[in-house]
Amino acid sequence: MAAEIINKRAEWVALLRERFNISPSDSPCGWPVAKIRASIAGEYPRFRNSSVRVIRRGHALVVELDNRCIFKHVWHPRANLKTEIEVLGRLKGRLGIETPDPVFIGRGCKFFGYPRIKGNKPDRKVIGCWSPEKRSRLASELVALCGRVQEAIPLKDRLRVLGPKPGPVGGNEIDDVARRFRAIFYGSKRLITASRKVFDAYKRGQKRLASGRIAFVGFDLQFDNLLLDSAGRLVGAVDFGYLTWSDAPGLFGLLYKDDPELAEMVMAGFERFAGGRISAEQAKAQGLFSVWSYLVEVSTNRWDMASRRGEFLNIAKRFSR
């Protein structure tokens, strides 16, 4: 998932009404803190007087209670977290690091809660100043994480767990994103032309990429979902709600947005894990990392695209040279 653009309650209330035609009272992302607390305490009374700190509103509501438990709610009234809960059960104890353990599950899987995992999110600037040895150690830990995720969900079970729909790597889905682009940026010929080049280049690159058919388990591998200890070692990972079929650029594209060099190191290590089926150099040369990141920005932050017209135009121009 890309970094959240809309986080404040007031912004979500307006968004739910104007863009999604959803009453703010129907979506946890539009709820005040008192209602968030009540929704949890209604099923788990021990939290009736808990302090609530909102961590995120967007794609899901994430809050911390009493500095010791994290709760995640869906944002859409028709959604649930059943698949993520099942996936977390499969990953538990198999990744060599801590992952959320849903010990509190709401009716209809509308929310789940788990003991807070100790650790801090990586700081881009700090990691950028690390020694080569320390960065290499983190890369190796991330390679191990990616490999263990693949092993935790065997190929024979992936369709049942993840569903057959791949991430946005197929031609039709890229065309859908392009159409959305044209609708929002109608009249901006420069942006449409530049983005069309990006989409076409991505499709050509996909056909040439030696990763074979889509077989990897993609997840939200990015700094925002990782936890490090004080020594900089990987101790935890959160947010497995968007597990899906993926390809190599798809698996590492979000990490590439955070730290391109680190992402390339991780992909090179994963190439060895995967038996040489992918090529970091090939993906880099074809610009697939950059295009994936661009597509993620387009598809996940679509509600904020109009105000970011200039930024997206610059991205499109840079990635289509």
Protein backbone atom coordinates (compact mmCIF):
# COMPACT_ATOMS: atom_id res chain seq x y z
CA MET A 1 0.00 0.00 0.00
CA ALA A 2 1.32 3.53 -0.82
CA ALA A 3 1.71 6.07 1.96
CA GLU A 4 -1.66 7.40 3.08
CA ILE A 5 -2.59 10.79 1.70
CA ILE A 6 -5.82 11.38 3.64
CA ASN A 7 -5.56 10.73 7.36
CA LYS A 8 -7.58 13.32 9.30
CA ARG A 9 -11.14 12.48 10.27
CA ALA A 10 -12.59 15.67 8.78
CA GLU A 11 -11.01 14.88 5.41
CA TRP A 12 -12.37 11.35 5.48
CA VAL A 13 -15.85 12.54 6.39
CA ALA A 14 -15.87 14.83 3.34
CA LEU A 15 -14.39 12.13 1.14
CA LEU A 16 -16.93 9.50 2.16
CA ARG A 17 -19.80 11.84 1.42
CA GLU A 18 -18.58 13.44 -1.80
CA ARG A 19 -16.66 10.67 -3.55
CA PHE A 20 -18.00 7.36 -2.27
CA ASN A 21 -21.58 8.33 -1.38
CA ILE A 22 -21.17 6.66 2.01
CA SER A 23 -22.46 8.11 5.23
CA PRO A 24 -19.56 8.88 7.59
CA SER A 25 -21.42 6.97 10.29
CA ASP A 26 -21.19 3.81 8.17
CA SER A 27 -17.42 3.83 7.79
CA PRO A 28 -15.05 3.53 10.77
CA CYS A 29 -12.73 5.96 8.99
CA GLY A 30 -15.36 8.65 9.59
CA TRP A 31 -16.05 7.76 13.23
CA PRO A 32 -15.08 9.97 16.19
CA VAL A 33 -12.85 8.40 18.84
CA ALA A 34 -15.78 7.77 21.20
CA LYS A 35 -17.56 5.63 18.61
CA ILE A 36 -14.39 3.72 17.79
CA ARG A 37 -13.96 2.87 21.47
CA ALA A 38 -17.62 1.90 21.79
CA SER A 39 -17.46 -0.41 18.76
CA ILE A 40 -14.68 -2.40 20.40
CA ALA A 41 -16.01 -2.25 23.97
CA GLY A 42 -19.41 -3.45 22.77
CA GLU A 43 -17.83 -6.86 22.18
CA TYR A 44 -14.88 -6.63 24.56
CA PRO A 45 -16.04 -4.68 27.66
CA ARG A 46 -12.52 -4.59 29.12
CA PHE A 47 -11.80 -1.72 26.70
CA ARG A 48 -14.75 0.43 27.83
CA ASN A 49 -12.51 3.06 29.45
CA SER A 50 -9.44 2.62 27.29
CA SER A 51 -7.44 5.45 25.83
CA VAL A 52 -7.58 5.52 22.04
CA ARG A 53 -4.91 6.85 19.70
CA VAL A 54 -5.74 6.92 15.99
CA ILE A 55 -2.78 5.70 13.95
CA ARG A 56 -4.35 5.78 10.50
CA ARG A 57 -7.57 6.55 8.69
CA GLY A 58 -7.43 5.33 5.11
CA HIS A 59 -7.86 1.92 3.42
CA ALA A 60 -8.52 0.83 7.01
CA LEU A 61 -8.88 2.42 10.42
CA VAL A 62 -5.98 1.53 12.72
CA VAL A 63 -5.96 2.57 16.38
CA GLU A 64 -3.92 1.84 19.48
CA LEU A 65 -5.66 1.18 22.82
CA ASP A 66 -3.91 1.77 26.14
CA ASN A 67 -0.51 1.73 24.44
CA ARG A 68 -0.68 -2.06 24.30
CA CYS A 69 -3.18 -3.27 21.69
CA ILE A 70 -3.66 -2.42 18.02
CA PHE A 71 -7.09 -2.64 16.41
CA LYS A 72 -7.81 -2.60 12.70
CA HIS A 73 -11.27 -1.83 11.26
CA VAL A 74 -12.39 -2.03 7.64
CA TRP A 75 -13.18 1.30 5.98
CA HIS A 76 -16.07 0.15 3.77
CA PRO A 77 -19.31 -1.11 5.34
CA ARG A 78 -19.48 -4.12 2.98
CA ALA A 79 -15.89 -5.22 3.59
CA ASN A 80 -14.48 -7.61 6.20
CA LEU A 81 -11.09 -8.80 7.38
CA LYS A 82 -11.75 -12.55 7.17
CA THR A 83 -9.05 -13.23 4.58
CA GLU A 84 -6.41 -11.24 6.41
CA ILE A 85 -7.21 -13.05 9.66
CA GLU A 86 -6.83 -16.39 7.88
CA VAL A 87 -3.54 -15.31 6.30
CA LEU A 88 -2.17 -14.13 9.65
CA GLY A 89 -3.01 -17.53 11.08
CA ARG A 90 -0.96 -19.18 8.35
CA LEU A 91 1.97 -16.82 8.87
CA LYS A 92 2.05 -17.05 12.66
CA GLY A 93 5.40 -18.36 13.89
CA ARG A 94 6.68 -19.01 10.37
CA LEU A 95 8.39 -15.76 9.39
CA GLY A 96 11.11 -15.59 12.03
CA ILE A 97 9.71 -12.25 13.22
CA GLU A 98 6.57 -11.04 15.00
CA THR A 99 3.33 -10.59 13.06
CA PRO A 100 -0.15 -9.51 14.26
CA ASP A 101 -1.94 -12.19 16.27
CA PRO A 102 -5.68 -11.43 16.12
CA VAL A 103 -6.83 -12.36 19.61
CA PHE A 104 -9.82 -10.00 19.46
CA ILE A 105 -12.11 -10.50 16.46
CA GLY A 106 -15.29 -8.51 15.91
CA ARG A 107 -18.59 -9.87 14.62
CA GLY A 108 -18.50 -10.42 10.87
CA CYS A 109 -14.72 -9.86 10.98
CA LYS A 110 -15.30 -6.11 10.81
CA PHE A 111 -12.31 -5.56 13.07
CA PHE A 112 -9.56 -7.45 14.82
CA GLY A 113 -7.13 -6.56 17.58
CA TYR A 114 -3.71 -7.84 18.59
CA PRO A 115 -1.02 -7.10 21.19
CA ARG A 116 1.24 -4.30 19.98
CA ILE A 117 4.51 -5.52 18.49
CA LYS A 118 7.59 -3.86 19.92
CA GLY A 119 9.78 -1.99 17.47
CA ASN A 120 9.88 1.18 15.41
CA LYS A 121 9.18 1.88 11.75
CA PRO A 122 12.34 2.39 9.68
CA ASP A 123 13.38 5.99 9.14
CA ARG A 124 14.40 6.57 5.50
CA LYS A 125 17.01 9.17 6.33
CA VAL A 126 18.54 7.13 9.13
CA ILE A 127 18.75 3.94 7.07
CA GLY A 128 20.24 5.92 4.21
CA CYS A 129 23.18 6.80 6.49
CA TRP A 130 23.78 3.26 7.69
CA SER A 131 27.05 1.49 6.91
CA PRO A 132 27.06 -0.88 3.90
CA GLU A 133 27.32 -3.83 6.31
CA LYS A 134 24.27 -2.77 8.30
CA ARG A 135 22.21 -2.15 5.15
CA SER A 136 23.28 -5.53 3.79
CA ARG A 137 22.12 -7.19 7.01
CA LEU A 138 18.67 -5.61 6.71
CA ALA A 139 18.49 -6.65 3.06
CA SER A 140 19.26 -10.25 4.05
CA GLU A 141 16.55 -10.14 6.70
CA LEU A 142 14.03 -8.87 4.15
CA VAL A 143 15.03 -11.60 1.69
CA ALA A 144 14.37 -14.16 4.41
CA LEU A 145 10.99 -12.53 5.15
CA CYS A 146 9.95 -12.66 1.48
CA GLY A 147 11.06 -16.26 1.14
CA ARG A 148 9.24 -17.36 4.26
CA VAL A 149 6.02 -15.70 3.11
CA GLN A 150 6.21 -17.81 -0.05
CA GLU A 151 6.81 -20.98 1.96
CA ALA A 152 4.00 -20.22 4.41
CA ILE A 153 1.44 -20.24 1.61
CA PRO A 154 2.21 -23.17 -0.72
CA LEU A 155 1.37 -22.83 -4.39
CA LYS A 156 -1.48 -25.37 -4.13
CA ASP A 157 -3.20 -23.23 -1.49
CA ARG A 158 -2.66 -19.77 -2.95
CA LEU A 159 -5.79 -19.56 -5.08
CA ARG A 160 -7.94 -20.51 -2.10
CA VAL A 161 -6.21 -18.10 0.27
CA LEU A 162 -5.53 -15.19 -2.02
CA GLY A 163 -8.16 -15.50 -4.71
CA PRO A 164 -7.48 -15.69 -8.45
CA LYS A 165 -7.29 -11.95 -9.12
CA PRO A 166 -3.69 -10.74 -9.63
CA GLY A 167 -2.27 -7.38 -8.73
CA PRO A 168 -2.24 -4.62 -11.39
CA VAL A 169 0.22 -6.30 -13.72
CA GLY A 170 -2.06 -7.51 -16.51
CA GLY A 171 -2.75 -5.56 -19.68
CA ASN A 172 -6.47 -5.12 -19.05
CA GLU A 173 -5.96 -3.76 -15.55
CA ILE A 174 -3.33 -1.32 -16.75
CA ASP A 175 -5.79 -0.16 -19.41
CA ASP A 176 -8.39 0.36 -16.69
CA VAL A 177 -5.97 2.57 -14.76
CA ALA A 178 -5.22 4.49 -17.95
CA ARG A 179 -8.92 5.11 -18.55
CA ARG A 180 -9.32 6.38 -15.00
CA PHE A 181 -6.37 8.66 -15.61
CA ARG A 182 -7.96 10.12 -18.73
CA ALA A 183 -11.25 10.71 -16.93
CA ILE A 184 -9.63 12.62 -14.08
CA PHE A 185 -7.11 14.52 -16.14
CA TYR A 186 -9.31 15.23 -19.12
CA GLY A 187 -7.73 17.96 -21.21
CA SER A 188 -4.22 17.44 -19.85
CA LYS A 189 -2.70 16.09 -23.05
CA ARG A 190 0.85 16.10 -21.75
CA LEU A 191 -0.04 13.92 -18.79
CA ILE A 192 -2.18 11.53 -20.81
CA THR A 193 0.55 11.12 -23.42
CA ALA A 194 3.24 10.58 -20.81
CA SER A 195 1.18 8.13 -18.77
CA ARG A 196 0.21 6.17 -21.88
CA LYS A 197 3.90 5.65 -22.58
CA VAL A 198 4.35 4.39 -19.05
CA PHE A 199 1.51 1.88 -19.34
CA ASP A 200 2.66 0.63 -22.74
CA ALA A 201 6.27 0.31 -21.60
CA TYR A 202 5.16 -1.66 -18.57
CA LYS A 203 3.18 -4.11 -20.66
CA ARG A 204 6.11 -4.62 -23.02
CA GLY A 205 8.44 -5.12 -20.09
CA GLN A 206 6.12 -7.66 -18.53
CA LYS A 207 6.24 -9.78 -21.68
CA ARG A 208 10.03 -9.73 -21.66
CA LEU A 209 10.55 -10.26 -17.94
CA ALA A 210 11.89 -13.73 -17.20
CA SER A 211 9.76 -14.21 -14.10
CA GLY A 212 7.45 -16.63 -15.86
CA ARG A 213 3.80 -16.75 -14.90
CA ILE A 214 2.56 -14.84 -11.89
CA ALA A 215 3.47 -17.08 -8.97
CA PHE A 216 4.90 -15.01 -6.15
CA VAL A 217 2.93 -13.91 -3.11
CA GLY A 218 2.96 -10.14 -3.10
CA PHE A 219 2.44 -8.18 0.11
CA ASP A 220 2.89 -4.64 1.39
CA LEU A 221 6.67 -4.74 1.69
CA GLN A 222 7.48 -1.15 2.61
CA PHE A 223 8.98 0.76 5.51
CA ASP A 224 5.57 1.76 6.84
CA ASN A 225 4.79 -1.90 7.60
CA LEU A 226 8.13 -3.00 9.06
CA LEU A 227 9.40 -2.82 12.64
CA LEU A 228 13.05 -2.65 13.70
CA ASP A 229 14.68 -2.90 17.12
CA SER A 230 17.15 -0.36 18.50
CA ALA A 231 20.02 -2.15 16.71
CA GLY A 232 18.25 -1.90 13.36
CA ARG A 233 17.30 -5.57 13.14
CA LEU A 234 13.98 -6.61 11.64
CA VAL A 235 11.69 -7.78 14.44
CA GLY A 236 8.18 -7.45 13.03
CA ALA A 237 5.92 -6.87 10.02
CA VAL A 238 2.28 -5.80 9.88
CA ASP A 239 -0.50 -5.32 7.30
CA PHE A 240 -1.00 -8.48 5.28
CA GLY A 241 -4.45 -7.44 4.12
CA TYR A 242 -3.45 -7.02 0.49
CA LEU A 243 -1.73 -10.35 -0.13
CA THR A 244 -2.15 -11.19 -3.78
CA TRP A 245 -0.58 -12.89 -6.73
CA SER A 246 2.32 -10.79 -7.91
CA ASP A 247 5.45 -10.66 -10.03
CA ALA A 248 8.95 -9.59 -9.00
CA PRO A 249 8.54 -5.83 -9.62
CA GLY A 250 5.17 -6.01 -7.91
CA LEU A 251 6.63 -7.66 -4.83
CA PHE A 252 9.46 -5.14 -4.45
CA GLY A 253 8.00 -2.02 -6.07
CA LEU A 254 6.83 -0.39 -2.84
CA LEU A 255 10.16 -0.98 -1.12
CA TYR A 256 11.77 0.61 -4.18
CA LYS A 257 9.84 3.79 -3.44
CA ASP A 258 11.35 3.88 0.05
CA ASP A 259 14.93 2.93 -0.78
CA PRO A 260 15.82 1.96 -4.39
CA GLU A 261 19.25 0.58 -3.54
CA LEU A 262 17.93 -1.56 -0.69
CA ALA A 263 15.11 -2.87 -2.90
CA GLU A 264 17.61 -3.95 -5.55
CA MET A 265 19.69 -5.72 -2.90
CA VAL A 266 16.62 -7.57 -1.63
CA MET A 267 15.49 -8.52 -5.12
CA ALA A 268 18.95 -9.85 -5.98
CA GLY A 269 18.87 -12.00 -2.84
CA PHE A 270 15.35 -13.20 -3.59
CA GLU A 271 16.44 -14.11 -7.10
CA ARG A 272 18.73 -16.70 -5.57
CA PHE A 273 15.92 -17.93 -3.33
CA ALA A 274 13.61 -18.25 -6.33
CA GLY A 275 16.13 -20.24 -8.35
CA GLY A 276 17.06 -17.53 -10.85
CA ARG A 277 13.53 -17.03 -12.20
CA ILE A 278 13.75 -13.28 -11.81
CA SER A 279 16.38 -10.72 -12.67
CA ALA A 280 16.87 -7.54 -10.69
CA GLU A 281 19.08 -6.04 -13.40
CA GLN A 282 16.53 -6.81 -16.10
CA ALA A 283 13.68 -5.29 -14.10
CA LYS A 284 15.77 -2.24 -13.29
CA ALA A 285 16.84 -1.73 -16.91
CA GLN A 286 13.23 -1.90 -18.10
CA GLY A 287 12.14 0.57 -15.46
CA LEU A 288 9.57 -1.83 -14.05
CA PHE A 289 10.25 -0.85 -10.44
CA SER A 290 9.51 2.76 -11.22
CA VAL A 291 6.43 1.98 -13.28
CA TRP A 292 5.01 -0.25 -10.57
CA SER A 293 5.45 2.50 -7.99
CA TYR A 294 3.78 4.92 -10.39
CA LEU A 295 0.82 2.59 -10.91
CA VAL A 296 0.44 2.14 -7.17
CA GLU A 297 0.29 5.90 -6.74
CA VAL A 298 -2.31 6.16 -9.49
CA SER A 299 -4.56 3.35 -8.30
CA THR A 300 -4.40 3.70 -4.50
CA ASN A 301 -4.40 7.48 -4.17
CA ARG A 302 -7.01 8.13 -6.84
CA TRP A 303 -9.13 10.31 -4.57
CA ASP A 304 -6.29 12.83 -4.25
CA MET A 305 -5.11 12.78 -7.86
CA ALA A 306 -6.60 16.07 -8.97
CA SER A 307 -4.72 18.05 -6.34
CA ARG A 308 -1.51 16.21 -7.21
CA ARG A 309 -1.69 16.83 -10.96
CA GLY A 310 1.74 18.45 -11.15
CA GLU A 311 3.41 15.72 -9.12
CA PHE A 312 1.95 12.92 -11.24
CA LEU A 313 2.89 14.74 -14.41
CA ASN A 314 6.51 14.91 -13.24
CA ILE A 315 6.47 11.22 -12.33
CA ALA A 316 5.04 10.29 -15.70
CA LYS A 317 7.57 12.39 -17.56
CA ARG A 318 10.49 11.02 -15.57
CA PHE A 319 9.49 7.38 -16.00
CA SER A 320 8.71 7.64 -19.72
CA ARG A 321 11.99 9.09 -20.91
